[in-house]
Amino acid sequence: MNEFATQEKIASYKRAVEQKAGGKFYTGNLNKMTSNIVNEIKETKTSLLKTSKKTYVTDHPEGILISVIIIFLILIIIEKRIRL
């Protein structure tokens, strides 16, 4: 919505957002809306859940890269010895 929208349009959009979509409708300046949204999130029970953080390492590309470099260096050394 912008400053040119009529109150009727704003009211119908608010009803559509809240009733049909189950969402929340905020008006005002951006800083006020942001702080309202953050405060509502902090007040919900989901923000109170305590879960342990887990880190999963699924890829080790550096191991393959180091292996290829070592094999390449060995091949270069072998080639130089054969040529002499």
PDB file of N, CA and C in Angstrom:
ATOM      1  N   MET A   1       0.837  -1.163   0.000  1.00  0.00           N
ATOM      2  CA  MET A   1       0.000   0.000   0.000  1.00  0.00           C
ATOM      3  C   MET A   1       0.895   1.244   0.000  1.00  0.00           C
ATOM      4  N   ASN A   2       0.405   2.271  -0.621  1.00  0.00           N
ATOM      5  CA  ASN A   2       1.145   3.521  -0.630  1.00  0.00           C
ATOM      6  C   ASN A   2       0.284   4.637  -0.074  1.00  0.00           C
ATOM      7  N   GLU A   3       0.826   5.843  -0.061  1.00  0.00           N
ATOM      8  CA  GLU A   3       0.106   6.965   0.546  1.00  0.00           C
ATOM      9  C   GLU A   3      -1.119   7.388  -0.255  1.00  0.00           C
ATOM     10  N   PHE A   4      -1.265   6.919  -1.486  1.00  0.00           N
ATOM     11  CA  PHE A   4      -2.399   7.282  -2.318  1.00  0.00           C
ATOM     12  C   PHE A   4      -3.571   6.307  -2.200  1.00  0.00           C
ATOM     13  N   ALA A   5      -3.399   5.230  -1.466  1.00  0.00           N
ATOM     14  CA  ALA A   5      -4.457   4.236  -1.308  1.00  0.00           C
ATOM     15  C   ALA A   5      -5.544   4.781  -0.383  1.00  0.00           C
ATOM     16  N   THR A   6      -6.768   4.486  -0.712  1.00  0.00           N
ATOM     17  CA  THR A   6      -7.885   4.948   0.121  1.00  0.00           C
ATOM     18  C   THR A   6      -8.021   4.049   1.340  1.00  0.00           C
ATOM     19  N   GLN A   7      -8.711   4.554   2.351  1.00  0.00           N
ATOM     20  CA  GLN A   7      -8.914   3.775   3.572  1.00  0.00           C
ATOM     21  C   GLN A   7      -9.720   2.510   3.282  1.00  0.00           C
ATOM     22  N   GLU A   8     -10.623   2.587   2.322  1.00  0.00           N
ATOM     23  CA  GLU A   8     -11.427   1.404   1.966  1.00  0.00           C
ATOM     24  C   GLU A   8     -10.550   0.317   1.364  1.00  0.00           C
ATOM     25  N   LYS A   9      -9.621   0.732   0.490  1.00  0.00           N
ATOM     26  CA  LYS A   9      -8.705  -0.251  -0.111  1.00  0.00           C
ATOM     27  C   LYS A   9      -7.822  -0.882   0.952  1.00  0.00           C
ATOM     28  N   ILE A  10      -7.326  -0.048   1.855  1.00  0.00           N
ATOM     29  CA  ILE A  10      -6.463  -0.566   2.923  1.00  0.00           C
ATOM     30  C   ILE A  10      -7.235  -1.539   3.798  1.00  0.00           C
ATOM     31  N   ALA A  11      -8.484  -1.209   4.137  1.00  0.00           N
ATOM     32  CA  ALA A  11      -9.298  -2.081   4.986  1.00  0.00           C
ATOM     33  C   ALA A  11      -9.604  -3.404   4.290  1.00  0.00           C
ATOM     34  N   SER A  12      -9.921  -3.370   2.999  1.00  0.00           N
ATOM     35  CA  SER A  12     -10.221  -4.615   2.294  1.00  0.00           C
ATOM     36  C   SER A  12      -8.966  -5.473   2.140  1.00  0.00           C
ATOM     37  N   TYR A  13      -7.826  -4.835   1.911  1.00  0.00           N
ATOM     38  CA  TYR A  13      -6.573  -5.583   1.803  1.00  0.00           C
ATOM     39  C   TYR A  13      -6.231  -6.210   3.151  1.00  0.00           C
ATOM     40  N   LYS A  14      -6.438  -5.467   4.240  1.00  0.00           N
ATOM     41  CA  LYS A  14      -6.160  -5.990   5.579  1.00  0.00           C
ATOM     42  C   LYS A  14      -7.033  -7.210   5.869  1.00  0.00           C
ATOM     43  N   ARG A  15      -8.346  -7.120   5.533  1.00  0.00           N
ATOM     44  CA  ARG A  15      -9.230  -8.269   5.740  1.00  0.00           C
ATOM     45  C   ARG A  15      -8.755  -9.478   4.941  1.00  0.00           C
ATOM     46  N   ALA A  16      -8.357  -9.237   3.700  1.00  0.00           N
ATOM     47  CA  ALA A  16      -7.904 -10.341   2.855  1.00  0.00           C
ATOM     48  C   ALA A  16      -6.653 -10.984   3.428  1.00  0.00           C
ATOM     49  N   VAL A  17      -5.737 -10.166   3.894  1.00  0.00           N
ATOM     50  CA  VAL A  17      -4.478 -10.705   4.438  1.00  0.00           C
ATOM     51  C   VAL A  17      -4.734 -11.486   5.716  1.00  0.00           C
ATOM     52  N   GLU A  18      -5.518 -10.910   6.609  1.00  0.00           N
ATOM     53  CA  GLU A  18      -5.709 -11.538   7.918  1.00  0.00           C
ATOM     54  C   GLU A  18      -6.686 -12.713   7.893  1.00  0.00           C
ATOM     55  N   GLN A  19      -7.780 -12.595   7.161  1.00  0.00           N
ATOM     56  CA  GLN A  19      -8.788 -13.646   7.182  1.00  0.00           C
ATOM     57  C   GLN A  19      -8.510 -14.751   6.181  1.00  0.00           C
ATOM     58  N   LYS A  20      -8.243 -14.387   4.959  1.00  0.00           N
ATOM     59  CA  LYS A  20      -8.083 -15.404   3.914  1.00  0.00           C
ATOM     60  C   LYS A  20      -6.714 -16.064   3.951  1.00  0.00           C
ATOM     61  N   ALA A  21      -5.683 -15.268   4.188  1.00  0.00           N
ATOM     62  CA  ALA A  21      -4.327 -15.825   4.154  1.00  0.00           C
ATOM     63  C   ALA A  21      -3.797 -16.172   5.532  1.00  0.00           C
ATOM     64  N   GLY A  22      -4.455 -15.696   6.586  1.00  0.00           N
ATOM     65  CA  GLY A  22      -3.998 -15.999   7.936  1.00  0.00           C
ATOM     66  C   GLY A  22      -2.756 -15.231   8.315  1.00  0.00           C
ATOM     67  N   GLY A  23      -2.521 -14.116   7.654  1.00  0.00           N
ATOM     68  CA  GLY A  23      -1.318 -13.340   7.917  1.00  0.00           C
ATOM     69  C   GLY A  23      -1.578 -12.153   8.812  1.00  0.00           C
ATOM     70  N   LYS A  24      -0.587 -11.290   8.920  1.00  0.00           N
ATOM     71  CA  LYS A  24      -0.675 -10.072   9.720  1.00  0.00           C
ATOM     72  C   LYS A  24      -0.492  -8.884   8.790  1.00  0.00           C
ATOM     73  N   PHE A  25      -1.179  -7.815   9.115  1.00  0.00           N
ATOM     74  CA  PHE A  25      -1.127  -6.598   8.308  1.00  0.00           C
ATOM     75  C   PHE A  25      -0.613  -5.474   9.188  1.00  0.00           C
ATOM     76  N   TYR A  26       0.448  -4.825   8.752  1.00  0.00           N
ATOM     77  CA  TYR A  26       1.057  -3.743   9.516  1.00  0.00           C
ATOM     78  C   TYR A  26       0.967  -2.446   8.733  1.00  0.00           C
ATOM     79  N   THR A  27       0.729  -1.358   9.459  1.00  0.00           N
ATOM     80  CA  THR A  27       0.742  -0.038   8.843  1.00  0.00           C
ATOM     81  C   THR A  27       1.700   0.846   9.622  1.00  0.00           C
ATOM     82  N   GLY A  28       2.114   1.916   9.019  1.00  0.00           N
ATOM     83  CA  GLY A  28       3.020   2.845   9.681  1.00  0.00           C
ATOM     84  C   GLY A  28       4.339   2.905   8.943  1.00  0.00           C
ATOM     85  N   ASN A  29       5.301   3.536   9.598  1.00  0.00           N
ATOM     86  CA  ASN A  29       6.613   3.638   8.935  1.00  0.00           C
ATOM     87  C   ASN A  29       7.385   2.335   9.075  1.00  0.00           C
ATOM     88  N   LEU A  30       8.407   2.203   8.277  1.00  0.00           N
ATOM     89  CA  LEU A  30       9.150   0.937   8.188  1.00  0.00           C
ATOM     90  C   LEU A  30       9.810   0.562   9.507  1.00  0.00           C
ATOM     91  N   ASN A  31      10.381   1.518  10.220  1.00  0.00           N
ATOM     92  CA  ASN A  31      11.048   1.209  11.485  1.00  0.00           C
ATOM     93  C   ASN A  31      10.060   0.688  12.519  1.00  0.00           C
ATOM     94  N   LYS A  32       8.860   1.290  12.576  1.00  0.00           N
ATOM     95  CA  LYS A  32       7.857   0.847  13.538  1.00  0.00           C
ATOM     96  C   LYS A  32       7.365  -0.556  13.178  1.00  0.00           C
ATOM     97  N   MET A  33       7.132  -0.806  11.893  1.00  0.00           N
ATOM     98  CA  MET A  33       6.673  -2.129  11.476  1.00  0.00           C
ATOM     99  C   MET A  33       7.719  -3.187  11.792  1.00  0.00           C
ATOM    100  N   THR A  34       8.973  -2.869  11.525  1.00  0.00           N
ATOM    101  CA  THR A  34      10.050  -3.825  11.774  1.00  0.00           C
ATOM    102  C   THR A  34      10.135  -4.173  13.247  1.00  0.00           C
ATOM    103  N   SER A  35      10.085  -3.166  14.102  1.00  0.00           N
ATOM    104  CA  SER A  35      10.182  -3.446  15.533  1.00  0.00           C
ATOM    105  C   SER A  35       8.957  -4.230  16.018  1.00  0.00           C
ATOM    106  N   ASN A  36       7.775  -3.948  15.469  1.00  0.00           N
ATOM    107  CA  ASN A  36       6.579  -4.712  15.845  1.00  0.00           C
ATOM    108  C   ASN A  36       6.713  -6.179  15.446  1.00  0.00           C
ATOM    109  N   ILE A  37       7.193  -6.415  14.241  1.00  0.00           N
ATOM    110  CA  ILE A  37       7.355  -7.798  13.763  1.00  0.00           C
ATOM    111  C   ILE A  37       8.371  -8.543  14.615  1.00  0.00           C
ATOM    112  N   VAL A  38       9.495  -7.911  14.912  1.00  0.00           N
ATOM    113  CA  VAL A  38      10.531  -8.553  15.723  1.00  0.00           C
ATOM    114  C   VAL A  38      10.004  -8.842  17.121  1.00  0.00           C
ATOM    115  N   ASN A  39       9.281  -7.917  17.707  1.00  0.00           N
ATOM    116  CA  ASN A  39       8.721  -8.143  19.054  1.00  0.00           C
ATOM    117  C   ASN A  39       7.721  -9.287  19.056  1.00  0.00           C
ATOM    118  N   GLU A  40       6.888  -9.389  18.027  1.00  0.00           N
ATOM    119  CA  GLU A  40       5.940 -10.495  17.964  1.00  0.00           C
ATOM    120  C   GLU A  40       6.644 -11.844  17.838  1.00  0.00           C
ATOM    121  N   ILE A  41       7.718 -11.880  17.068  1.00  0.00           N
ATOM    122  CA  ILE A  41       8.476 -13.125  16.927  1.00  0.00           C
ATOM    123  C   ILE A  41       9.103 -13.512  18.257  1.00  0.00           C
ATOM    124  N   LYS A  42       9.633 -12.536  18.976  1.00  0.00           N
ATOM    125  CA  LYS A  42      10.253 -12.818  20.275  1.00  0.00           C
ATOM    126  C   LYS A  42       9.235 -13.328  21.286  1.00  0.00           C
ATOM    127  N   GLU A  43       7.989 -12.889  21.162  1.00  0.00           N
ATOM    128  CA  GLU A  43       6.953 -13.284  22.107  1.00  0.00           C
ATOM    129  C   GLU A  43       6.383 -14.676  21.835  1.00  0.00           C
ATOM    130  N   THR A  44       6.608 -15.224  20.680  1.00  0.00           N
ATOM    131  CA  THR A  44       6.042 -16.538  20.368  1.00  0.00           C
ATOM    132  C   THR A  44       6.788 -17.633  21.106  1.00  0.00           C
ATOM    133  N   LYS A  45       6.128 -18.746  21.266  1.00  0.00           N
ATOM    134  CA  LYS A  45       6.741 -19.865  21.970  1.00  0.00           C
ATOM    135  C   LYS A  45       7.852 -20.513  21.153  1.00  0.00           C
ATOM    136  N   THR A  46       7.786 -20.368  19.839  1.00  0.00           N
ATOM    137  CA  THR A  46       8.818 -20.999  19.018  1.00  0.00           C
ATOM    138  C   THR A  46      10.177 -20.359  19.251  1.00  0.00           C
ATOM    139  N   SER A  47      10.195 -19.098  19.651  1.00  0.00           N
ATOM    140  CA  SER A  47      11.484 -18.469  19.921  1.00  0.00           C
ATOM    141  C   SER A  47      12.067 -18.940  21.246  1.00  0.00           C
ATOM    142  N   LEU A  48      11.251 -19.609  22.065  1.00  0.00           N
ATOM    143  CA  LEU A  48      11.725 -20.102  23.351  1.00  0.00           C
ATOM    144  C   LEU A  48      12.268 -21.524  23.288  1.00  0.00           C
ATOM    145  N   LEU A  49      12.125 -22.176  22.139  1.00  0.00           N
ATOM    146  CA  LEU A  49      12.609 -23.543  22.019  1.00  0.00           C
ATOM    147  C   LEU A  49      14.118 -23.589  22.160  1.00  0.00           C
ATOM    148  N   LYS A  50      14.571 -24.504  22.942  1.00  0.00           N
ATOM    149  CA  LYS A  50      16.013 -24.682  23.132  1.00  0.00           C
ATOM    150  C   LYS A  50      16.431 -25.950  22.396  1.00  0.00           C
ATOM    151  N   THR A  51      17.178 -25.789  21.359  1.00  0.00           N
ATOM    152  CA  THR A  51      17.665 -26.948  20.612  1.00  0.00           C
ATOM    153  C   THR A  51      19.171 -26.859  20.512  1.00  0.00           C
ATOM    154  N   SER A  52      19.785 -28.000  20.432  1.00  0.00           N
ATOM    155  CA  SER A  52      21.236 -28.001  20.275  1.00  0.00           C
ATOM    156  C   SER A  52      21.578 -27.789  18.811  1.00  0.00           C
ATOM    157  N   LYS A  53      22.593 -27.009  18.607  1.00  0.00           N
ATOM    158  CA  LYS A  53      23.019 -26.737  17.238  1.00  0.00           C
ATOM    159  C   LYS A  53      23.948 -27.854  16.785  1.00  0.00           C
ATOM    160  N   LYS A  54      23.715 -28.331  15.590  1.00  0.00           N
ATOM    161  CA  LYS A  54      24.530 -29.403  15.041  1.00  0.00           C
ATOM    162  C   LYS A  54      25.133 -28.941  13.733  1.00  0.00           C
ATOM    163  N   THR A  55      26.374 -29.281  13.541  1.00  0.00           N
ATOM    164  CA  THR A  55      27.049 -28.950  12.295  1.00  0.00           C
ATOM    165  C   THR A  55      27.421 -30.251  11.611  1.00  0.00           C
ATOM    166  N   TYR A  56      27.000 -30.377  10.374  1.00  0.00           N
ATOM    167  CA  TYR A  56      27.312 -31.558   9.593  1.00  0.00           C
ATOM    168  C   TYR A  56      28.248 -31.165   8.465  1.00  0.00           C
ATOM    169  N   VAL A  57      29.372 -31.858   8.392  1.00  0.00           N
ATOM    170  CA  VAL A  57      30.301 -31.629   7.297  1.00  0.00           C
ATOM    171  C   VAL A  57      30.050 -32.728   6.281  1.00  0.00           C
ATOM    172  N   THR A  58      29.671 -32.332   5.090  1.00  0.00           N
ATOM    173  CA  THR A  58      29.298 -33.336   4.106  1.00  0.00           C
ATOM    174  C   THR A  58      30.231 -33.397   2.917  1.00  0.00           C
ATOM    175  N   ASP A  59      31.141 -32.449   2.820  1.00  0.00           N
ATOM    176  CA  ASP A  59      31.998 -32.425   1.649  1.00  0.00           C
ATOM    177  C   ASP A  59      33.400 -32.002   2.051  1.00  0.00           C
ATOM    178  N   HIS A  60      34.402 -32.697   1.527  1.00  0.00           N
ATOM    179  CA  HIS A  60      35.800 -32.376   1.782  1.00  0.00           C
ATOM    180  C   HIS A  60      36.541 -32.257   0.455  1.00  0.00           C
ATOM    181  N   PRO A  61      36.320 -31.203  -0.300  1.00  0.00           N
ATOM    182  CA  PRO A  61      36.975 -31.086  -1.608  1.00  0.00           C
ATOM    183  C   PRO A  61      38.478 -30.871  -1.496  1.00  0.00           C
ATOM    184  N   GLU A  62      38.951 -30.364  -0.360  1.00  0.00           N
ATOM    185  CA  GLU A  62      40.385 -30.116  -0.240  1.00  0.00           C
ATOM    186  C   GLU A  62      41.192 -31.411  -0.241  1.00  0.00           C
ATOM    187  N   GLY A  63      40.625 -32.508   0.241  1.00  0.00           N
ATOM    188  CA  GLY A  63      41.329 -33.791   0.230  1.00  0.00           C
ATOM    189  C   GLY A  63      41.591 -34.273  -1.190  1.00  0.00           C
ATOM    190  N   ILE A  64      40.599 -34.163  -2.032  1.00  0.00           N
ATOM    191  CA  ILE A  64      40.754 -34.573  -3.430  1.00  0.00           C
ATOM    192  C   ILE A  64      41.753 -33.665  -4.134  1.00  0.00           C
ATOM    193  N   LEU A  65      41.682 -32.366  -3.880  1.00  0.00           N
ATOM    194  CA  LEU A  65      42.593 -31.413  -4.510  1.00  0.00           C
ATOM    195  C   LEU A  65      44.044 -31.690  -4.122  1.00  0.00           C
ATOM    196  N   ILE A  66      44.283 -31.936  -2.853  1.00  0.00           N
ATOM    197  CA  ILE A  66      45.650 -32.234  -2.396  1.00  0.00           C
ATOM    198  C   ILE A  66      46.138 -33.536  -3.016  1.00  0.00           C
ATOM    199  N   SER A  67      45.275 -34.537  -3.097  1.00  0.00           N
ATOM    200  CA  SER A  67      45.667 -35.809  -3.703  1.00  0.00           C
ATOM    201  C   SER A  67      46.046 -35.632  -5.170  1.00  0.00           C
ATOM    202  N   VAL A  68      45.279 -34.859  -5.916  1.00  0.00           N
ATOM    203  CA  VAL A  68      45.563 -34.636  -7.329  1.00  0.00           C
ATOM    204  C   VAL A  68      46.882 -33.886  -7.488  1.00  0.00           C
ATOM    205  N   ILE A  69      47.134 -32.905  -6.641  1.00  0.00           N
ATOM    206  CA  ILE A  69      48.397 -32.153  -6.720  1.00  0.00           C
ATOM    207  C   ILE A  69      49.580 -33.055  -6.430  1.00  0.00           C
ATOM    208  N   ILE A  70      49.484 -33.909  -5.417  1.00  0.00           N
ATOM    209  CA  ILE A  70      50.582 -34.823  -5.075  1.00  0.00           C
ATOM    210  C   ILE A  70      50.820 -35.807  -6.219  1.00  0.00           C
ATOM    211  N   ILE A  71      49.765 -36.378  -6.776  1.00  0.00           N
ATOM    212  CA  ILE A  71      49.919 -37.316  -7.899  1.00  0.00           C
ATOM    213  C   ILE A  71      50.550 -36.607  -9.096  1.00  0.00           C
ATOM    214  N   PHE A  72      50.120 -35.383  -9.371  1.00  0.00           N
ATOM    215  CA  PHE A  72      50.681 -34.613 -10.480  1.00  0.00           C
ATOM    216  C   PHE A  72      52.177 -34.350 -10.261  1.00  0.00           C
ATOM    217  N   LEU A  73      52.565 -34.008  -9.045  1.00  0.00           N
ATOM    218  CA  LEU A  73      53.987 -33.775  -8.750  1.00  0.00           C
ATOM    219  C   LEU A  73      54.804 -35.056  -8.897  1.00  0.00           C
ATOM    220  N   ILE A  74      54.246 -36.182  -8.447  1.00  0.00           N
ATOM    221  CA  ILE A  74      54.942 -37.466  -8.589  1.00  0.00           C
ATOM    222  C   ILE A  74      55.136 -37.799 -10.071  1.00  0.00           C
ATOM    223  N   LEU A  75      54.108 -37.566 -10.888  1.00  0.00           N
ATOM    224  CA  LEU A  75      54.226 -37.830 -12.318  1.00  0.00           C
ATOM    225  C   LEU A  75      55.279 -36.936 -12.973  1.00  0.00           C
ATOM    226  N   ILE A  76      55.364 -35.691 -12.556  1.00  0.00           N
ATOM    227  CA  ILE A  76      56.385 -34.789 -13.104  1.00  0.00           C
ATOM    228  C   ILE A  76      57.776 -35.280 -12.727  1.00  0.00           C
ATOM    229  N   ILE A  77      57.967 -35.705 -11.484  1.00  0.00           N
ATOM    230  CA  ILE A  77      59.272 -36.206 -11.047  1.00  0.00           C
ATOM    231  C   ILE A  77      59.643 -37.462 -11.814  1.00  0.00           C
ATOM    232  N   ILE A  78      58.714 -38.381 -11.998  1.00  0.00           N
ATOM    233  CA  ILE A  78      58.975 -39.618 -12.738  1.00  0.00           C
ATOM    234  C   ILE A  78      59.337 -39.299 -14.183  1.00  0.00           C
ATOM    235  N   GLU A  79      58.612 -38.355 -14.790  1.00  0.00           N
ATOM    236  CA  GLU A  79      58.892 -38.006 -16.176  1.00  0.00           C
ATOM    237  C   GLU A  79      60.279 -37.406 -16.326  1.00  0.00           C
ATOM    238  N   LYS A  80      60.715 -36.570 -15.409  1.00  0.00           N
ATOM    239  CA  LYS A  80      62.033 -35.956 -15.488  1.00  0.00           C
ATOM    240  C   LYS A  80      63.125 -37.019 -15.318  1.00  0.00           C
ATOM    241  N   ARG A  81      62.911 -37.987 -14.469  1.00  0.00           N
ATOM    242  CA  ARG A  81      63.920 -39.025 -14.267  1.00  0.00           C
ATOM    243  C   ARG A  81      64.027 -39.932 -15.504  1.00  0.00           C
ATOM    244  N   ILE A  82      62.923 -40.190 -16.172  1.00  0.00           N
ATOM    245  CA  ILE A  82      62.958 -41.054 -17.349  1.00  0.00           C
ATOM    246  C   ILE A  82      63.685 -40.353 -18.485  1.00  0.00           C
ATOM    247  N   ARG A  83      63.541 -39.068 -18.657  1.00  0.00           N
ATOM    248  CA  ARG A  83      64.177 -38.328 -19.734  1.00  0.00           C
ATOM    249  C   ARG A  83      65.693 -38.235 -19.563  1.00  0.00           C
ATOM    250  N   LEU A  84      66.190 -38.229 -18.365  1.00  0.00           N
ATOM    251  CA  LEU A  84      67.633 -38.107 -18.159  1.00  0.00           C
ATOM    252  C   LEU A  84      68.299 -39.372 -18.562  1.00  0.00           C
TER     253      LEU A  84
END
